[in-house]
Amino acid sequence: MKSVKIVSVLLATLLAIPVFAQTTATPKVDQRQENQQKRIAEGVNSGALTAKETSNLEKREAKIEADKQAAKADGKVTKHERQHLQHEEDNASKKIHDKKHNAKTTGAAH
């Protein structure tokens, strides 16, 4: 009976290990990057973003991508690295909103 319990505990532990393993996958960051690129494109198309605003937002997005690649470089993205990327994405999202809703426009049709 003891051996059955031990085997059960070992199996449960082995099955749980992949859940806690660190990985280089960043699906949430990837999805946010895609969404934010769409928001920037919408701002350009509507005239809500000037060329300078667009350039600044694109530089911010490029920095996030570079940071993501740096986090993946060692073969794992840690919880701290994920939190940092999430924080950068939050800031970028706010900047996109602010730039799209300020008084500056290109004069294109809305």
Protein backbone atom coordinates (compact mmCIF):
# COMPACT_ATOMS: atom_id res chain seq x y z
CA MET A 1 0.00 0.00 0.00
CA LYS A 2 2.87 2.36 0.84
CA SER A 3 4.49 1.74 -2.52
CA VAL A 4 1.24 2.67 -4.32
CA LYS A 5 1.14 5.99 -2.44
CA ILE A 6 4.80 6.67 -3.21
CA VAL A 7 4.32 5.88 -6.89
CA SER A 8 1.22 8.10 -6.97
CA VAL A 9 3.10 11.00 -5.39
CA LEU A 10 6.02 10.56 -7.78
CA LEU A 11 3.72 10.48 -10.80
CA ALA A 12 1.85 13.57 -9.62
CA THR A 13 5.16 15.36 -9.08
CA LEU A 14 6.50 14.41 -12.50
CA LEU A 15 3.30 15.55 -14.17
CA ALA A 16 3.37 18.89 -12.34
CA ILE A 17 7.00 19.74 -13.20
CA PRO A 18 6.26 20.96 -16.75
CA VAL A 19 3.70 23.40 -15.32
CA PHE A 20 6.39 25.09 -13.25
CA ALA A 21 9.18 24.85 -15.80
CA GLN A 22 10.38 28.14 -17.20
CA THR A 23 10.06 28.54 -20.92
CA THR A 24 10.86 31.05 -23.61
CA ALA A 25 7.25 31.19 -24.81
CA THR A 26 5.72 34.64 -24.38
CA PRO A 27 2.21 34.31 -25.85
CA LYS A 28 0.68 37.16 -23.81
CA VAL A 29 3.45 39.58 -24.74
CA ASP A 30 3.29 38.47 -28.38
CA GLN A 31 -0.48 39.04 -28.48
CA ARG A 32 -0.18 42.46 -26.85
CA GLN A 33 2.53 43.46 -29.32
CA GLU A 34 0.26 42.46 -32.19
CA ASN A 35 -2.71 44.35 -30.71
CA GLN A 36 -0.65 47.46 -30.10
CA GLN A 37 0.74 47.42 -33.63
CA LYS A 38 -2.85 47.34 -34.89
CA ARG A 39 -3.76 50.28 -32.64
CA ILE A 40 -0.81 52.28 -33.98
CA ALA A 41 -1.80 51.45 -37.56
CA GLU A 42 -5.37 52.53 -36.86
CA GLY A 43 -4.07 55.83 -35.47
CA VAL A 44 -1.98 56.40 -38.57
CA ASN A 45 -4.86 55.53 -40.91
CA SER A 46 -7.32 57.77 -39.07
CA GLY A 47 -4.88 60.68 -38.88
CA ALA A 48 -4.93 60.61 -35.06
CA LEU A 49 -1.16 60.01 -34.97
CA THR A 50 1.41 62.32 -36.47
CA ALA A 51 4.57 60.97 -38.10
CA LYS A 52 6.64 61.95 -35.06
CA GLU A 53 4.20 60.31 -32.64
CA THR A 54 4.17 57.17 -34.76
CA SER A 55 7.96 57.09 -34.86
CA ASN A 56 8.17 57.40 -31.07
CA LEU A 57 5.59 54.66 -30.55
CA GLU A 58 7.36 52.37 -33.01
CA LYS A 59 10.67 52.93 -31.20
CA ARG A 60 8.98 51.97 -27.93
CA GLU A 61 7.61 48.79 -29.54
CA ALA A 62 11.06 47.96 -30.95
CA LYS A 63 12.55 48.34 -27.45
CA ILE A 64 9.98 45.92 -26.04
CA GLU A 65 10.83 43.43 -28.80
CA ALA A 66 14.56 43.78 -28.07
CA ASP A 67 13.93 43.28 -24.35
CA LYS A 68 11.82 40.20 -25.10
CA GLN A 69 14.58 38.72 -27.26
CA ALA A 70 17.16 39.48 -24.54
CA ALA A 71 14.95 37.73 -21.98
CA LYS A 72 14.75 34.66 -24.24
CA ALA A 73 18.49 34.62 -24.97
CA ASP A 74 19.42 32.37 -22.04
CA GLY A 75 16.75 29.80 -22.88
CA LYS A 76 14.15 30.85 -20.32
CA VAL A 77 12.01 33.84 -19.52
CA THR A 78 11.80 34.26 -15.76
CA LYS A 79 8.81 35.55 -13.81
CA HIS A 80 10.68 38.81 -13.20
CA GLU A 81 11.42 39.21 -16.92
CA ARG A 82 7.77 38.56 -17.76
CA GLN A 83 6.69 41.17 -15.22
CA HIS A 84 9.13 43.67 -16.72
CA LEU A 85 7.81 43.02 -20.23
CA GLN A 86 4.23 43.34 -18.97
CA HIS A 87 5.09 46.68 -17.33
CA GLU A 88 6.65 47.92 -20.58
CA GLU A 89 3.54 46.84 -22.50
CA ASP A 90 1.31 48.66 -19.99
CA ASN A 91 3.30 51.86 -20.45
CA ALA A 92 3.28 51.52 -24.24
CA SER A 93 -0.48 50.98 -24.23
CA LYS A 94 -1.01 54.16 -22.22
CA LYS A 95 1.27 56.11 -24.57
CA ILE A 96 -0.64 54.85 -27.61
CA HIS A 97 -3.92 55.95 -26.05
CA ASP A 98 -2.53 59.34 -25.04
CA LYS A 99 -1.01 60.03 -28.46
CA LYS A 100 -4.14 58.93 -30.33
CA HIS A 101 -6.36 61.16 -28.19
CA ASN A 102 -4.31 64.33 -27.97
CA ALA A 103 -4.99 67.45 -30.04
CA LYS A 104 -2.31 66.65 -32.62
CA THR A 105 -3.53 65.14 -35.87
CA THR A 106 -2.34 64.85 -39.45
CA GLY A 107 -5.57 66.32 -40.75
CA ALA A 108 -6.58 63.06 -42.44
CA ALA A 109 -10.25 62.13 -42.45
CA HIS A 110 -11.46 60.46 -39.27
